[in-house]
C-alpha atoms as a PDB file:
ATOM      1  CA  UNK A   1      -5.968   3.801 -14.924  1.00  0.00           C
ATOM      2  CA  UNK A   2      -5.830   1.341 -12.107  1.00  0.00           C
ATOM      3  CA  UNK A   3      -4.839  -2.051 -13.506  1.00  0.00           C
ATOM      4  CA  UNK A   4      -5.935  -5.298 -11.817  1.00  0.00           C
ATOM      5  CA  UNK A   5      -5.747  -8.549 -13.753  1.00  0.00           C
ATOM      6  CA  UNK A   6      -5.995  -6.543 -16.986  1.00  0.00           C
ATOM      7  CA  UNK A   7      -9.228  -4.852 -15.857  1.00  0.00           C
ATOM      8  CA  UNK A   8      -8.895  -1.086 -16.199  1.00  0.00           C
ATOM      9  CA  UNK A   9     -10.425   1.134 -13.578  1.00  0.00           C
ATOM     10  CA  UNK A  10     -10.372   4.935 -13.513  1.00  0.00           C
ATOM     11  CA  UNK A  11      -9.634   6.635 -10.249  1.00  0.00           C
ATOM     12  CA  UNK A  12     -12.334   9.141  -9.382  1.00  0.00           C
ATOM     13  CA  UNK A  13     -10.657  10.326  -6.218  1.00  0.00           C
ATOM     14  CA  UNK A  14     -12.355  12.292  -3.157  1.00  0.00           C
ATOM     15  CA  UNK A  15     -10.168  14.983  -1.255  1.00  0.00           C
ATOM     16  CA  UNK A  16      -7.323  12.187   0.955  1.00  0.00           C
ATOM     17  CA  UNK A  17     -10.975   5.445   2.480  1.00  0.00           C
ATOM     18  CA  UNK A  18     -14.909  -1.338  -1.311  1.00  0.00           C
ATOM     19  CA  UNK A  19     -15.806   0.123  -2.526  1.00  0.00           C
ATOM     20  CA  UNK A  20     -25.224 -13.472  -7.801  1.00  0.00           C
ATOM     21  CA  UNK A  21     -24.332 -16.155  -5.873  1.00  0.00           C
ATOM     22  CA  UNK A  22     -26.263 -18.083  -3.263  1.00  0.00           C
ATOM     23  CA  UNK A  23     -26.699 -17.400   0.384  1.00  0.00           C
ATOM     24  CA  UNK A  24     -23.500 -19.253   1.240  1.00  0.00           C
ATOM     25  CA  UNK A  25     -21.427 -16.654  -0.569  1.00  0.00           C
ATOM     26  CA  UNK A  26     -23.234 -13.921   1.336  1.00  0.00           C
ATOM     27  CA  UNK A  27     -22.187 -15.541   4.591  1.00  0.00           C
ATOM     28  CA  UNK A  28     -25.729 -15.657   5.977  1.00  0.00           C
ATOM     29  CA  UNK A  29     -28.213 -18.145   7.287  1.00  0.00           C
ATOM     30  CA  UNK A  30     -31.075 -16.291   5.584  1.00  0.00           C
ATOM     31  CA  UNK A  31     -32.870 -17.943   2.640  1.00  0.00           C
ATOM     32  CA  UNK A  32     -33.668 -14.592   1.025  1.00  0.00           C
ATOM     33  CA  UNK A  33     -31.230 -13.954  -1.842  1.00  0.00           C
ATOM     34  CA  UNK A  34     -32.505 -10.407  -2.502  1.00  0.00           C
ATOM     35  CA  UNK A  35     -31.206  -8.974   0.751  1.00  0.00           C
ATOM     36  CA  UNK A  36     -32.352  -5.360   0.687  1.00  0.00           C
ATOM     37  CA  UNK A  37     -34.304  -2.898   2.762  1.00  0.00           C
ATOM     38  CA  UNK A  38     -35.258   0.483   1.348  1.00  0.00           C
ATOM     39  CA  UNK A  39     -37.620   1.714   4.055  1.00  0.00           C
ATOM     40  CA  UNK A  40     -35.837   1.144   7.387  1.00  0.00           C
ATOM     41  CA  UNK A  41     -34.517   4.367   8.941  1.00  0.00           C
ATOM     42  CA  UNK A  42     -31.350   4.581  11.049  1.00  0.00           C
ATOM     43  CA  UNK A  43     -32.090   4.227  14.762  1.00  0.00           C
ATOM     44  CA  UNK A  44     -31.047   7.065  17.067  1.00  0.00           C
ATOM     45  CA  UNK A  45     -31.602   5.186  20.335  1.00  0.00           C
ATOM     46  CA  UNK A  46     -31.145   8.319  22.454  1.00  0.00           C
ATOM     47  CA  UNK A  47     -27.728   9.174  20.949  1.00  0.00           C
ATOM     48  CA  UNK A  48     -26.670  12.647  19.801  1.00  0.00           C
ATOM     49  CA  UNK A  49     -25.809  12.033  16.161  1.00  0.00           C
ATOM     50  CA  UNK A  50     -24.224  14.150  13.446  1.00  0.00           C
ATOM     51  CA  UNK A  51     -26.078  14.889  10.200  1.00  0.00           C
ATOM     52  CA  UNK A  52     -24.512  13.445   7.078  1.00  0.00           C
ATOM     53  CA  UNK A  53     -22.162  15.839   5.306  1.00  0.00           C
ATOM     54  CA  UNK A  54     -21.916  15.047   1.603  1.00  0.00           C
ATOM     55  CA  UNK A  55     -18.512  15.211  -0.041  1.00  0.00           C
ATOM     56  CA  UNK A  56     -17.378  15.248  -3.649  1.00  0.00           C
ATOM     57  CA  UNK A  57     -16.144  12.014  -5.164  1.00  0.00           C
ATOM     58  CA  UNK A  58     -12.428  12.654  -5.389  1.00  0.00           C
ATOM     59  CA  UNK A  59      -9.552  11.893  -3.084  1.00  0.00           C
ATOM     60  CA  UNK A  60     -10.692  10.779   0.378  1.00  0.00           C
ATOM     61  CA  UNK A  61      -9.596   7.742   2.311  1.00  0.00           C
ATOM     62  CA  UNK A  62     -13.043   6.457   3.264  1.00  0.00           C
ATOM     63  CA  UNK A  63     -15.553   8.246   1.036  1.00  0.00           C
ATOM     64  CA  UNK A  64     -18.506   8.706   3.390  1.00  0.00           C
ATOM     65  CA  UNK A  65     -18.677  12.467   3.857  1.00  0.00           C
ATOM     66  CA  UNK A  66     -17.090  12.138   7.318  1.00  0.00           C
ATOM     67  CA  UNK A  67     -13.473  12.100   8.304  1.00  0.00           C
ATOM     68  CA  UNK A  68     -12.274   8.506   8.706  1.00  0.00           C
ATOM     69  CA  UNK A  69     -14.805   6.841  11.009  1.00  0.00           C
ATOM     70  CA  UNK A  70     -14.912   3.576  12.936  1.00  0.00           C
ATOM     71  CA  UNK A  71     -17.914   1.340  13.557  1.00  0.00           C
ATOM     72  CA  UNK A  72     -18.594   1.245  17.287  1.00  0.00           C
ATOM     73  CA  UNK A  73     -21.928  -0.581  17.530  1.00  0.00           C
ATOM     74  CA  UNK A  74     -24.833  -2.154  15.657  1.00  0.00           C
ATOM     75  CA  UNK A  75     -28.447  -2.301  16.799  1.00  0.00           C
ATOM     76  CA  UNK A  76     -31.825  -3.669  15.767  1.00  0.00           C
ATOM     77  CA  UNK A  77     -34.844  -2.201  17.500  1.00  0.00           C
ATOM     78  CA  UNK A  78     -32.301  -0.346  19.677  1.00  0.00           C
ATOM     79  CA  UNK A  79     -31.099  -3.712  20.958  1.00  0.00           C
ATOM     80  CA  UNK A  80     -27.328  -3.893  20.680  1.00  0.00           C
ATOM     81  CA  UNK A  81     -25.844  -6.757  18.696  1.00  0.00           C
ATOM     82  CA  UNK A  82     -23.287  -8.526  20.861  1.00  0.00           C
ATOM     83  CA  UNK A  83     -19.822  -9.784  19.908  1.00  0.00           C
ATOM     84  CA  UNK A  84     -19.812  -7.652  16.758  1.00  0.00           C
ATOM     85  CA  UNK A  85     -16.785  -8.447  14.591  1.00  0.00           C
ATOM     86  CA  UNK A  86     -15.659  -9.290  11.082  1.00  0.00           C
ATOM     87  CA  UNK A  87     -14.927 -12.639   9.508  1.00  0.00           C
ATOM     88  CA  UNK A  88     -13.498 -11.725   6.141  1.00  0.00           C
ATOM     89  CA  UNK A  89     -16.016  -9.119   5.019  1.00  0.00           C
ATOM     90  CA  UNK A  90     -19.009 -10.685   6.766  1.00  0.00           C
ATOM     91  CA  UNK A  91     -20.334  -8.865   9.814  1.00  0.00           C
ATOM     92  CA  UNK A  92     -20.863 -11.388  12.596  1.00  0.00           C
ATOM     93  CA  UNK A  93     -22.619 -11.080  15.957  1.00  0.00           C
ATOM     94  CA  UNK A  94     -25.467 -12.327  18.132  1.00  0.00           C
ATOM     95  CA  UNK A  95     -28.787 -10.851  19.238  1.00  0.00           C
ATOM     96  CA  UNK A  96     -31.161 -12.488  21.717  1.00  0.00           C
ATOM     97  CA  UNK A  97     -29.117 -15.672  21.445  1.00  0.00           C
ATOM     98  CA  UNK A  98     -29.424 -15.829  17.643  1.00  0.00           C
ATOM     99  CA  UNK A  99     -26.317 -15.799  15.450  1.00  0.00           C
ATOM    100  CA  UNK A 100     -26.221 -13.119  12.761  1.00  0.00           C
ATOM    101  CA  UNK A 101     -23.908 -13.128   9.759  1.00  0.00           C
ATOM    102  CA  UNK A 102     -23.520 -11.170   6.523  1.00  0.00           C
ATOM    103  CA  UNK A 103     -26.896 -10.402   4.975  1.00  0.00           C
ATOM    104  CA  UNK A 104     -28.652 -11.073   8.288  1.00  0.00           C
ATOM    105  CA  UNK A 105     -27.525  -7.522   9.103  1.00  0.00           C
ATOM    106  CA  UNK A 106     -29.862  -5.958   6.509  1.00  0.00           C
ATOM    107  CA  UNK A 107     -32.046  -3.509   8.447  1.00  0.00           C
ATOM    108  CA  UNK A 108     -29.424  -3.120  11.164  1.00  0.00           C
ATOM    109  CA  UNK A 109     -28.220   0.333  12.233  1.00  0.00           C
ATOM    110  CA  UNK A 110     -24.458   0.779  12.538  1.00  0.00           C
ATOM    111  CA  UNK A 111     -23.023   3.729  14.443  1.00  0.00           C
ATOM    112  CA  UNK A 112     -19.724   5.183  13.237  1.00  0.00           C
ATOM    113  CA  UNK A 113     -17.544   7.611  15.198  1.00  0.00           C
ATOM    114  CA  UNK A 114     -14.904   9.845  13.637  1.00  0.00           C
ATOM    115  CA  UNK A 115     -11.682  11.168  15.152  1.00  0.00           C
ATOM    116  CA  UNK A 116     -13.490  14.249  16.490  1.00  0.00           C
ATOM    117  CA  UNK A 117     -16.033  12.102  18.320  1.00  0.00           C
ATOM    118  CA  UNK A 118     -18.940  12.852  15.974  1.00  0.00           C
ATOM    119  CA  UNK A 119     -21.356   9.939  15.587  1.00  0.00           C
ATOM    120  CA  UNK A 120     -23.308   8.979  12.480  1.00  0.00           C
ATOM    121  CA  UNK A 121     -25.970   6.271  12.318  1.00  0.00           C
ATOM    122  CA  UNK A 122     -26.487   4.439   9.026  1.00  0.00           C
ATOM    123  CA  UNK A 123     -28.792   1.567   8.188  1.00  0.00           C
ATOM    124  CA  UNK A 124     -27.536  -1.423   6.197  1.00  0.00           C
ATOM    125  CA  UNK A 125     -30.027  -1.445   3.319  1.00  0.00           C
ATOM    126  CA  UNK A 126     -28.527  -4.292   1.261  1.00  0.00           C
ATOM    127  CA  UNK A 127     -25.676  -6.811   1.133  1.00  0.00           C
ATOM    128  CA  UNK A 128     -24.351  -8.388  -2.056  1.00  0.00           C
ATOM    129  CA  UNK A 129     -21.329 -10.284  -3.335  1.00  0.00           C
ATOM    130  CA  UNK A 130     -18.898  -8.121  -5.307  1.00  0.00           C
ATOM    131  CA  UNK A 131     -19.091  -9.495  -8.854  1.00  0.00           C
ATOM    132  CA  UNK A 132     -15.536  -8.261  -9.493  1.00  0.00           C
ATOM    133  CA  UNK A 133     -14.110 -10.600  -6.851  1.00  0.00           C
ATOM    134  CA  UNK A 134     -13.834 -14.046  -8.429  1.00  0.00           C
ATOM    135  CA  UNK A 135     -13.164 -15.594  -5.030  1.00  0.00           C
ATOM    136  CA  UNK A 136     -16.576 -14.471  -3.801  1.00  0.00           C
ATOM    137  CA  UNK A 137     -14.991 -13.233  -0.559  1.00  0.00           C
ATOM    138  CA  UNK A 138     -15.890  -9.574  -0.846  1.00  0.00           C
ATOM    139  CA  UNK A 139     -19.311  -8.413   0.309  1.00  0.00           C
ATOM    140  CA  UNK A 140     -20.616  -4.981  -0.664  1.00  0.00           C
ATOM    141  CA  UNK A 141     -22.886  -3.150   1.768  1.00  0.00           C
ATOM    142  CA  UNK A 142     -25.339  -0.385   0.901  1.00  0.00           C
ATOM    143  CA  UNK A 143     -25.440   2.129   3.767  1.00  0.00           C
ATOM    144  CA  UNK A 144     -28.087   4.830   4.117  1.00  0.00           C
ATOM    145  CA  UNK A 145     -28.221   7.801   6.481  1.00  0.00           C
ATOM    146  CA  UNK A 146     -30.464  10.763   7.136  1.00  0.00           C
ATOM    147  CA  UNK A 147     -29.608  14.089   5.509  1.00  0.00           C
ATOM    148  CA  UNK A 148     -31.981  17.015   6.037  1.00  0.00           C
ATOM    149  CA  UNK A 149     -34.690  14.556   6.962  1.00  0.00           C
ATOM    150  CA  UNK A 150     -34.204  12.471   3.805  1.00  0.00           C
ATOM    151  CA  UNK A 151     -32.779   8.955   3.651  1.00  0.00           C
ATOM    152  CA  UNK A 152     -29.769   9.033   1.310  1.00  0.00           C
ATOM    153  CA  UNK A 153     -27.002   6.620   0.425  1.00  0.00           C
ATOM    154  CA  UNK A 154     -23.924   7.183   2.539  1.00  0.00           C
ATOM    155  CA  UNK A 155     -21.211   6.550  -0.047  1.00  0.00           C
ATOM    156  CA  UNK A 156     -20.398   8.758  -2.984  1.00  0.00           C
ATOM    157  CA  UNK A 157     -20.807   6.965  -6.360  1.00  0.00           C
ATOM    158  CA  UNK A 158     -18.001   4.913  -7.865  1.00  0.00           C
ATOM    159  CA  UNK A 159     -17.204   4.649 -11.577  1.00  0.00           C
ATOM    160  CA  UNK A 160     -20.114   2.280 -12.074  1.00  0.00           C
ATOM    161  CA  UNK A 161     -22.401   4.848 -10.489  1.00  0.00           C
ATOM    162  CA  UNK A 162     -22.943   2.555  -7.483  1.00  0.00           C
ATOM    163  CA  UNK A 163     -22.681   3.553  -3.840  1.00  0.00           C
ATOM    164  CA  UNK A 164     -21.296   0.552  -1.966  1.00  0.00           C
ATOM    165  CA  UNK A 165     -18.985  -0.036   0.977  1.00  0.00           C
ATOM    166  CA  UNK A 166     -16.973  -2.880   2.426  1.00  0.00           C
ATOM    167  CA  UNK A 167     -15.981  -3.379   6.061  1.00  0.00           C
ATOM    168  CA  UNK A 168     -12.225  -3.617   6.563  1.00  0.00           C
ATOM    169  CA  UNK A 169     -10.494  -4.588   9.838  1.00  0.00           C
ATOM    170  CA  UNK A 170      -8.900  -1.823  11.889  1.00  0.00           C
ATOM    171  CA  UNK A 171      -8.998   1.959  11.794  1.00  0.00           C
ATOM    172  CA  UNK A 172      -7.145   4.858  10.135  1.00  0.00           C
ATOM    173  CA  UNK A 173      -5.879   7.973  11.902  1.00  0.00           C
ATOM    174  CA  UNK A 174      -5.579  11.510  10.539  1.00  0.00           C
ATOM    175  CA  UNK A 175      -2.110  10.767   9.129  1.00  0.00           C
ATOM    176  CA  UNK A 176      -3.521   7.939   7.020  1.00  0.00           C
ATOM    177  CA  UNK A 177      -1.817   5.309   9.181  1.00  0.00           C
ATOM    178  CA  UNK A 178      -3.682   2.054   9.702  1.00  0.00           C
ATOM    179  CA  UNK A 179      -4.235   0.794  13.246  1.00  0.00           C
ATOM    180  CA  UNK A 180      -4.780  -2.971  13.442  1.00  0.00           C
ATOM    181  CA  UNK A 181      -7.675  -4.243  15.533  1.00  0.00           C
ATOM    182  CA  UNK A 182      -9.481  -7.548  15.975  1.00  0.00           C
ATOM    183  CA  UNK A 183     -12.608  -5.795  17.270  1.00  0.00           C
ATOM    184  CA  UNK A 184     -12.838  -2.476  15.387  1.00  0.00           C
ATOM    185  CA  UNK A 185     -13.488  -2.045  11.688  1.00  0.00           C
ATOM    186  CA  UNK A 186     -14.072   0.648   9.084  1.00  0.00           C
ATOM    187  CA  UNK A 187     -16.499   0.840   6.162  1.00  0.00           C
ATOM    188  CA  UNK A 188     -14.619   1.922   3.027  1.00  0.00           C
ATOM    189  CA  UNK A 189     -16.614   3.056  -0.008  1.00  0.00           C
ATOM    190  CA  UNK A 190     -15.844   1.694  -3.465  1.00  0.00           C
ATOM    191  CA  UNK A 191     -15.341   5.299  -4.592  1.00  0.00           C
ATOM    192  CA  UNK A 192     -12.412   5.968  -2.251  1.00  0.00           C
ATOM    193  CA  UNK A 193      -8.950   4.648  -1.392  1.00  0.00           C
ATOM    194  CA  UNK A 194      -9.735   1.896   1.151  1.00  0.00           C
ATOM    195  CA  UNK A 195     -12.386   0.374  -1.089  1.00  0.00           C
ATOM    196  CA  UNK A 196     -10.454   0.832  -4.324  1.00  0.00           C
ATOM    197  CA  UNK A 197      -7.466  -1.034  -2.905  1.00  0.00           C
ATOM    198  CA  UNK A 198      -9.584  -4.007  -1.854  1.00  0.00           C
ATOM    199  CA  UNK A 199     -10.961  -4.175  -5.380  1.00  0.00           C
ATOM    200  CA  UNK A 200      -7.430  -4.065  -6.776  1.00  0.00           C
ATOM    201  CA  UNK A 201      -6.906  -7.418  -5.048  1.00  0.00           C
ATOM    202  CA  UNK A 202      -5.204  -6.212  -1.866  1.00  0.00           C
ATOM    203  CA  UNK A 203      -7.691  -7.812   0.543  1.00  0.00           C
ATOM    204  CA  UNK A 204      -6.048  -7.085   3.910  1.00  0.00           C
ATOM    205  CA  UNK A 205      -7.685 -10.007   5.728  1.00  0.00           C
ATOM    206  CA  UNK A 206      -6.069 -12.556   3.356  1.00  0.00           C
ATOM    207  CA  UNK A 207      -2.621 -13.788   2.311  1.00  0.00           C
ATOM    208  CA  UNK A 208      -1.100 -14.515  -1.098  1.00  0.00           C
ATOM    209  CA  UNK A 209       1.189 -17.559  -1.111  1.00  0.00           C
ATOM    210  CA  UNK A 210       1.746 -17.081   2.600  1.00  0.00           C
ATOM    211  CA  UNK A 211       2.348 -13.312   2.388  1.00  0.00           C
ATOM    212  CA  UNK A 212      -0.132 -11.117   4.255  1.00  0.00           C
ATOM    213  CA  UNK A 213      -1.831  -8.531   2.065  1.00  0.00           C
ATOM    214  CA  UNK A 214      -2.475  -6.113   4.945  1.00  0.00           C
ATOM    215  CA  UNK A 215       0.696  -4.135   4.262  1.00  0.00           C
ATOM    216  CA  UNK A 216      -0.003  -4.090   0.535  1.00  0.00           C
ATOM    217  CA  UNK A 217      -3.461  -2.678   1.159  1.00  0.00           C
ATOM    218  CA  UNK A 218      -2.041   0.063   3.359  1.00  0.00           C
ATOM    219  CA  UNK A 219       0.667   0.935   0.817  1.00  0.00           C
ATOM    220  CA  UNK A 220      -2.050   1.050  -1.841  1.00  0.00           C
ATOM    221  CA  UNK A 221      -4.073   3.600   0.146  1.00  0.00           C
ATOM    222  CA  UNK A 222      -0.982   5.835   0.217  1.00  0.00           C
ATOM    223  CA  UNK A 223      -0.415   5.311  -3.512  1.00  0.00           C
ATOM    224  CA  UNK A 224      -4.029   6.023  -4.538  1.00  0.00           C
ATOM    225  CA  UNK A 225      -3.929   9.409  -2.806  1.00  0.00           C
ATOM    226  CA  UNK A 226      -0.260  10.063  -3.681  1.00  0.00           C
ATOM    227  CA  UNK A 227       0.421  10.505   0.021  1.00  0.00           C
ATOM    228  CA  UNK A 228       4.172  10.261  -0.502  1.00  0.00           C
ATOM    229  CA  UNK A 229       4.993  12.107   2.707  1.00  0.00           C
ATOM    230  CA  UNK A 230       3.018   9.563   4.750  1.00  0.00           C
ATOM    231  CA  UNK A 231       1.246  12.305   6.678  1.00  0.00           C
ATOM    232  CA  UNK A 232      -2.269  11.974   5.270  1.00  0.00           C
ATOM    233  CA  UNK A 233      -1.758  14.700   2.679  1.00  0.00           C
ATOM    234  CA  UNK A 234      -3.220  14.312  -0.818  1.00  0.00           C
ATOM    235  CA  UNK A 235      -1.186  15.190  -3.914  1.00  0.00           C
ATOM    236  CA  UNK A 236      -3.330  14.017  -6.806  1.00  0.00           C
ATOM    237  CA  UNK A 237      -6.427  15.028  -8.693  1.00  0.00           C
ATOM    238  CA  UNK A 238      -9.775  13.438  -9.475  1.00  0.00           C
ATOM    239  CA  UNK A 239      -9.875  11.176 -12.523  1.00  0.00           C
ATOM    240  CA  UNK A 240      -6.130  10.492 -12.705  1.00  0.00           C
ATOM    241  CA  UNK A 241      -5.125   7.493 -14.820  1.00  0.00           C
ATOM    242  CA  UNK A 242      -2.622   5.195 -13.093  1.00  0.00           C
ATOM    243  CA  UNK A 243      -1.106   1.723 -13.393  1.00  0.00           C
ATOM    244  CA  UNK A 244      -0.207  -0.211 -10.211  1.00  0.00           C
ATOM    245  CA  UNK A 245       1.922  -3.360  -9.940  1.00  0.00           C
ATOM    246  CA  UNK A 246       3.779  -5.431  -7.337  1.00  0.00           C
ATOM    247  CA  UNK A 247       6.129  -8.391  -6.973  1.00  0.00           C
ATOM    248  CA  UNK A 248       3.667 -11.003  -5.674  1.00  0.00           C
ATOM    249  CA  UNK A 249       2.190 -10.473  -8.287  1.00  0.00           C
ATOM    250  CA  UNK A 250      -1.366  -9.437  -7.568  1.00  0.00           C
ATOM    251  CA  UNK A 251      -1.072  -6.809 -10.302  1.00  0.00           C
ATOM    252  CA  UNK A 252       1.457  -6.574 -13.130  1.00  0.00           C
ATOM    253  CA  UNK A 253       2.668  -3.650 -15.224  1.00  0.00           C
ATOM    254  CA  UNK A 254       0.670  -3.126 -18.408  1.00  0.00           C
ATOM    255  CA  UNK A 255       3.214  -2.420 -21.193  1.00  0.00           C
ATOM    256  CA  UNK A 256       0.453  -1.210 -23.519  1.00  0.00           C
ATOM    257  CA  UNK A 257      -0.080   1.892 -21.401  1.00  0.00           C
ATOM    258  CA  UNK A 258       2.120   4.872 -22.267  1.00  0.00           C
ATOM    259  CA  UNK A 259       2.662   5.946 -18.680  1.00  0.00           C
ATOM    260  CA  UNK A 260       5.669   7.085 -16.660  1.00  0.00           C
ATOM    261  CA  UNK A 261       6.926   5.863 -13.280  1.00  0.00           C
ATOM    262  CA  UNK A 262       5.831   7.956 -10.289  1.00  0.00           C
ATOM    263  CA  UNK A 263       7.043   6.334  -7.068  1.00  0.00           C
ATOM    264  CA  UNK A 264       7.713   3.155  -5.073  1.00  0.00           C
ATOM    265  CA  UNK A 265       5.338   2.716  -2.131  1.00  0.00           C
ATOM    266  CA  UNK A 266       5.502   1.408   1.420  1.00  0.00           C
ATOM    267  CA  UNK A 267       2.957   1.406   4.235  1.00  0.00           C
ATOM    268  CA  UNK A 268       4.491   4.638   5.544  1.00  0.00           C
ATOM    269  CA  UNK A 269       4.463   6.510   2.248  1.00  0.00           C
ATOM    270  CA  UNK A 270       6.829   6.678  -0.722  1.00  0.00           C
ATOM    271  CA  UNK A 271      10.239   5.017  -0.449  1.00  0.00           C
ATOM    272  CA  UNK A 272      11.432   6.900  -3.504  1.00  0.00           C
ATOM    273  CA  UNK A 273       9.935   9.361  -5.985  1.00  0.00           C
ATOM    274  CA  UNK A 274      10.724  10.186  -9.580  1.00  0.00           C
ATOM    275  CA  UNK A 275       8.137  12.887 -10.206  1.00  0.00           C
ATOM    276  CA  UNK A 276       4.924  14.475  -9.069  1.00  0.00           C
ATOM    277  CA  UNK A 277       1.768  12.785 -10.328  1.00  0.00           C
ATOM    278  CA  UNK A 278       0.458  16.242 -11.163  1.00  0.00           C
ATOM    279  CA  UNK A 279       2.940  18.909 -12.238  1.00  0.00           C
ATOM    280  CA  UNK A 280       2.129  22.483 -11.315  1.00  0.00           C
ATOM    281  CA  UNK A 281       3.665  24.923 -13.750  1.00  0.00           C
ATOM    282  CA  UNK A 282       4.384  27.276 -10.879  1.00  0.00           C
ATOM    283  CA  UNK A 283       6.685  24.704  -9.224  1.00  0.00           C
ATOM    284  CA  UNK A 284       8.749  23.496 -12.182  1.00  0.00           C
ATOM    285  CA  UNK A 285      12.348  23.952 -11.087  1.00  0.00           C
ATOM    286  CA  UNK A 286      14.258  20.993 -12.499  1.00  0.00           C
ATOM    287  CA  UNK A 287      14.970  17.882 -10.414  1.00  0.00           C
ATOM    288  CA  UNK A 288      15.116  19.451  -6.963  1.00  0.00           C
ATOM    289  CA  UNK A 289      13.521  18.552  -3.668  1.00  0.00           C
ATOM    290  CA  UNK A 290      11.603  21.813  -3.763  1.00  0.00           C
ATOM    291  CA  UNK A 291      10.121  20.913  -7.149  1.00  0.00           C
ATOM    292  CA  UNK A 292       9.024  17.426  -6.062  1.00  0.00           C
ATOM    293  CA  UNK A 293       7.926  17.848  -2.460  1.00  0.00           C
ATOM    294  CA  UNK A 294       5.705  20.075  -0.347  1.00  0.00           C
ATOM    295  CA  UNK A 295       7.648  22.092   2.183  1.00  0.00           C
ATOM    296  CA  UNK A 296       6.181  20.112   5.089  1.00  0.00           C
ATOM    297  CA  UNK A 297       8.098  16.976   4.156  1.00  0.00           C
ATOM    298  CA  UNK A 298      11.290  18.301   2.587  1.00  0.00           C
ATOM    299  CA  UNK A 299      13.287  16.961   5.538  1.00  0.00           C
ATOM    300  CA  UNK A 300      12.052  13.400   4.979  1.00  0.00           C
ATOM    301  CA  UNK A 301      13.751  12.935   1.588  1.00  0.00           C
ATOM    302  CA  UNK A 302      17.133  13.344  -0.063  1.00  0.00           C
ATOM    303  CA  UNK A 303      18.383  13.466  -3.641  1.00  0.00           C
ATOM    304  CA  UNK A 304      19.607  10.129  -4.966  1.00  0.00           C
ATOM    305  CA  UNK A 305      21.886   9.749  -7.987  1.00  0.00           C
ATOM    306  CA  UNK A 306      19.953   6.691  -9.185  1.00  0.00           C
ATOM    307  CA  UNK A 307      17.697   4.575  -7.011  1.00  0.00           C
ATOM    308  CA  UNK A 308      16.013   1.566  -8.605  1.00  0.00           C
ATOM    309  CA  UNK A 309      12.774   0.316  -7.126  1.00  0.00           C
ATOM    310  CA  UNK A 310      12.912  -3.227  -5.719  1.00  0.00           C
ATOM    311  CA  UNK A 311       9.596  -3.925  -7.491  1.00  0.00           C
ATOM    312  CA  UNK A 312      10.965  -3.190 -10.974  1.00  0.00           C
ATOM    313  CA  UNK A 313      14.644  -2.304 -11.627  1.00  0.00           C
ATOM    314  CA  UNK A 314      13.547  -0.196 -14.595  1.00  0.00           C
ATOM    315  CA  UNK A 315      11.687   2.136 -12.231  1.00  0.00           C
ATOM    316  CA  UNK A 316      14.315   4.727 -11.320  1.00  0.00           C
ATOM    317  CA  UNK A 317      14.007   7.450  -8.676  1.00  0.00           C
ATOM    318  CA  UNK A 318      15.807  10.742  -8.209  1.00  0.00           C
ATOM    319  CA  UNK A 319      14.583  11.311  -4.630  1.00  0.00           C
ATOM    320  CA  UNK A 320      14.721   8.789  -1.760  1.00  0.00           C
ATOM    321  CA  UNK A 321      13.289   8.657   1.755  1.00  0.00           C
ATOM    322  CA  UNK A 322      15.764   9.098   4.586  1.00  0.00           C
ATOM    323  CA  UNK A 323      13.936   6.741   6.945  1.00  0.00           C
ATOM    324  CA  UNK A 324      11.846   4.192   5.012  1.00  0.00           C
ATOM    325  CA  UNK A 325      13.863   0.994   4.430  1.00  0.00           C
ATOM    326  CA  UNK A 326      14.174  -0.376   0.917  1.00  0.00           C
ATOM    327  CA  UNK A 327      12.817  -3.803   1.874  1.00  0.00           C
ATOM    328  CA  UNK A 328       9.524  -2.245   2.999  1.00  0.00           C
ATOM    329  CA  UNK A 329       8.476  -1.378  -0.581  1.00  0.00           C
ATOM    330  CA  UNK A 330       5.242  -3.138  -1.580  1.00  0.00           C
ATOM    331  CA  UNK A 331       4.286  -1.715  -4.983  1.00  0.00           C
ATOM    332  CA  UNK A 332       5.051   0.789  -7.739  1.00  0.00           C
ATOM    333  CA  UNK A 333       2.835   2.955  -9.872  1.00  0.00           C
ATOM    334  CA  UNK A 334       2.885   4.862 -13.153  1.00  0.00           C
ATOM    335  CA  UNK A 335       0.728   7.665 -14.477  1.00  0.00           C
ATOM    336  CA  UNK A 336       0.476   9.960 -17.475  1.00  0.00           C
ATOM    337  CA  UNK A 337       1.809  13.456 -17.905  1.00  0.00           C
ATOM    338  CA  UNK A 338      -0.615  15.573 -15.891  1.00  0.00           C
ATOM    339  CA  UNK A 339      -0.240  19.344 -15.711  1.00  0.00           C
ATOM    340  CA  UNK A 340      -2.069  21.826 -13.507  1.00  0.00           C
ATOM    341  CA  UNK A 341      -2.109  25.382 -14.811  1.00  0.00           C
ATOM    342  CA  UNK A 342      -2.779  26.856 -11.394  1.00  0.00           C
END
């Protein structure tokens, strides 16, 4: 399970991106606390758009049925909202000289573009404060898009059965690397890695005792998907139980869980690895690089006699990265004994 302040979450991964209070917490000038719109359709505004492709809830980075996509514009009545940007998780902009913020964007169409150039329009149907975030900083957005002529929710469902997303600064490329940006942002669903990591407390727009959480969020997205090679590959399965912890501490190790150390994580992937999160019987070959790693990243790691993680000295690795520095480690994780028969 994912552990955050003793709240247990299950990972329902996609193949490998968050997922009342008053109006002030919603970051909006509107007096309507029930900010929702179920009937507004996404605007096309003369653009050639891609139909929504549904994906299974499992191991993806973003969780929207597209490859990782970036918001490029927002419109109302096909009038573009100017100066579109994020302040925390509140969308901010202006239209016809009027300032818009947070829930003022309900009914707005946002256009997202993926790495292949495909565009998808989605309407913001609702905005709400994430009840799991005690700080009240995190806003959850309900996005809807057209699929086969029907208006459907864009995100796949999370463990609560809800389909929500949160805007996060920057973009992600096909290798899973985060690209910082003050003007571009990405919607991450609560059912996928980007959203899950925000809900674990790694809010990349904030700092913890003066330490930026942006790098911790990025390391978390690698950890969630077990992308130890740092190339965007996914080496985990849906529904895997894990425990995540760091030195800050945002999250601490739960001693009540009978789990075993997997790896120590940096923004670029795993610094060191003790075992696969999922063991395939066909690859069991003792403690060898071939047993632990896919062939594509064998050259990135080397056997280590004993390598202790800087997060927890009791977390010992048998394989270490050749290029990732030790001081770049952000967090560790544990999981159960998981075996694939195939």
